[in-house]
């Protein structure tokens, strides 16, 4: 069974992703700090995600959101590490994007990482 996710881009001026994941076996949304990130509250998202079972388990959606929260808080090195962990995760599934299209979780993490690296390269010029 695959997990589904809603992805939004460019939170807090960052080119990153935020995901909300529905678990198919439950009628509730797995908490990956989507609401906090969508509301621009990176600090609240970090508090939630840094203690998250989903992050500890290597869930790609949670790791991507953790990267997004780190990026929003200006912690670029930690954001990069989180995106790389999502790319390397043993779990892999399709995520539903905000526009209704679908993307593989590893590709989503690579895209977020690429955008973050591009934005930091432009900022340092």
Protein backbone atom coordinates (compact mmCIF):
# COMPACT_ATOMS: atom_id res chain seq x y z
CA UNK A 1 0.00 0.00 0.00
CA UNK A 2 1.34 3.41 -0.82
CA UNK A 3 0.99 6.52 1.25
CA UNK A 4 -0.44 9.64 -0.32
CA UNK A 5 0.72 13.15 0.31
CA UNK A 6 -0.16 16.73 -0.52
CA UNK A 7 2.85 18.81 -1.46
CA UNK A 8 3.16 22.58 -1.51
CA UNK A 9 6.21 24.48 -2.70
CA UNK A 10 7.97 27.73 -1.84
CA UNK A 11 7.14 28.07 1.84
CA UNK A 12 8.67 31.13 3.48
CA UNK A 13 10.31 32.14 0.24
CA UNK A 14 12.25 28.86 0.14
CA UNK A 15 12.01 26.50 -2.78
CA UNK A 16 11.11 23.50 -0.68
CA UNK A 17 8.27 21.10 -0.10
CA UNK A 18 5.71 20.53 2.59
CA UNK A 19 3.77 17.31 2.75
CA UNK A 20 0.73 15.96 4.53
CA UNK A 21 0.56 12.18 4.47
CA UNK A 22 -2.54 10.06 4.81
CA UNK A 23 -2.00 6.57 6.10
CA UNK A 24 -4.23 4.17 4.16
CA UNK A 25 -4.89 1.97 7.21
CA UNK A 26 -6.17 4.81 9.36
CA UNK A 27 -8.79 7.49 9.00
CA UNK A 28 -6.46 10.20 10.27
CA UNK A 29 -3.59 12.11 8.73
CA UNK A 30 -0.09 11.16 9.82
CA UNK A 31 1.29 14.23 11.51
CA UNK A 32 4.25 15.47 9.50
CA UNK A 33 3.81 19.12 10.59
CA UNK A 34 2.00 20.09 7.40
CA UNK A 35 -0.23 22.63 9.14
CA UNK A 36 2.72 24.29 10.85
CA UNK A 37 4.71 24.53 7.63
CA UNK A 38 1.74 25.72 5.60
CA UNK A 39 1.24 28.41 8.25
CA UNK A 40 4.88 29.52 8.04
CA UNK A 41 5.69 28.28 11.55
CA UNK A 42 9.04 26.58 11.00
CA UNK A 43 9.89 26.57 14.71
CA UNK A 44 6.68 24.75 15.61
CA UNK A 45 7.26 22.30 12.77
CA UNK A 46 10.78 21.63 14.01
CA UNK A 47 9.59 20.97 17.55
CA UNK A 48 7.09 18.46 16.22
CA UNK A 49 9.28 16.77 13.63
CA UNK A 50 12.51 16.49 15.62
CA UNK A 51 10.70 14.17 18.04
CA UNK A 52 8.60 12.44 15.39
CA UNK A 53 8.43 8.65 15.12
CA UNK A 54 8.02 9.11 11.36
CA UNK A 55 11.35 10.95 11.12
CA UNK A 56 13.08 8.33 13.27
CA UNK A 57 11.61 5.61 11.03
CA UNK A 58 12.99 7.33 7.93
CA UNK A 59 9.63 8.24 6.40
CA UNK A 60 10.43 10.30 3.29
CA UNK A 61 7.51 12.72 3.70
CA UNK A 62 8.47 13.49 7.30
CA UNK A 63 12.12 13.89 6.33
CA UNK A 64 11.23 16.24 3.47
CA UNK A 65 9.10 18.32 5.81
CA UNK A 66 11.90 18.35 8.36
CA UNK A 67 14.20 19.65 5.63
CA UNK A 68 11.64 22.30 4.75
CA UNK A 69 11.38 23.35 8.41
CA UNK A 70 15.17 23.56 8.71
CA UNK A 71 15.36 25.58 5.50
CA UNK A 72 12.67 27.94 6.79
CA UNK A 73 14.63 28.38 10.01
CA UNK A 74 17.82 29.15 8.08
CA UNK A 75 19.51 25.87 9.06
CA UNK A 76 20.71 25.00 5.57
CA UNK A 77 23.15 22.22 6.50
CA UNK A 78 20.47 20.40 8.49
CA UNK A 79 17.96 20.90 5.66
CA UNK A 80 20.41 19.36 3.20
CA UNK A 81 20.99 16.39 5.52
CA UNK A 82 17.22 15.83 5.89
CA UNK A 83 16.61 15.92 2.14
CA UNK A 84 19.52 13.50 1.61
CA UNK A 85 18.08 11.18 4.27
CA UNK A 86 14.73 11.22 2.42
CA UNK A 87 16.52 10.34 -0.82
CA UNK A 88 18.31 7.45 0.91
CA UNK A 89 15.24 6.20 2.81
CA UNK A 90 14.39 2.54 2.31
CA UNK A 91 10.77 3.64 1.96
CA UNK A 92 9.68 4.98 -1.39
CA UNK A 93 6.22 5.96 -2.57
CA UNK A 94 4.36 8.44 -4.73
CA UNK A 95 3.37 11.78 -3.29
CA UNK A 96 0.43 13.80 -4.53
CA UNK A 97 1.49 17.34 -5.33
CA UNK A 98 -0.60 20.41 -4.61
CA UNK A 99 -1.46 20.66 -8.31
CA UNK A 100 -2.87 17.11 -8.27
CA UNK A 101 0.08 15.52 -10.07
CA UNK A 102 2.15 12.72 -8.55
CA UNK A 103 5.88 12.49 -7.87
CA UNK A 104 8.09 9.75 -6.48
CA UNK A 105 9.25 10.59 -2.94
CA UNK A 106 12.92 10.35 -3.90
CA UNK A 107 12.40 12.70 -6.82
CA UNK A 108 10.51 15.10 -4.54
CA UNK A 109 13.41 15.08 -2.08
CA UNK A 110 15.94 15.57 -4.89
CA UNK A 111 13.89 18.46 -6.26
CA UNK A 112 13.68 20.12 -2.83
CA UNK A 113 17.42 19.64 -2.32
CA UNK A 114 18.23 21.02 -5.76
CA UNK A 115 16.07 24.09 -5.19
CA UNK A 116 17.60 24.71 -1.79
CA UNK A 117 21.14 24.42 -3.16
CA UNK A 118 20.25 26.74 -6.05
CA UNK A 119 18.77 29.33 -3.69
CA UNK A 120 21.80 29.24 -1.39
CA UNK A 121 24.17 29.52 -4.38
CA UNK A 122 22.32 32.61 -5.60
CA UNK A 123 22.36 34.12 -2.11
CA UNK A 124 26.12 33.72 -1.84
CA UNK A 125 26.99 35.37 -5.17
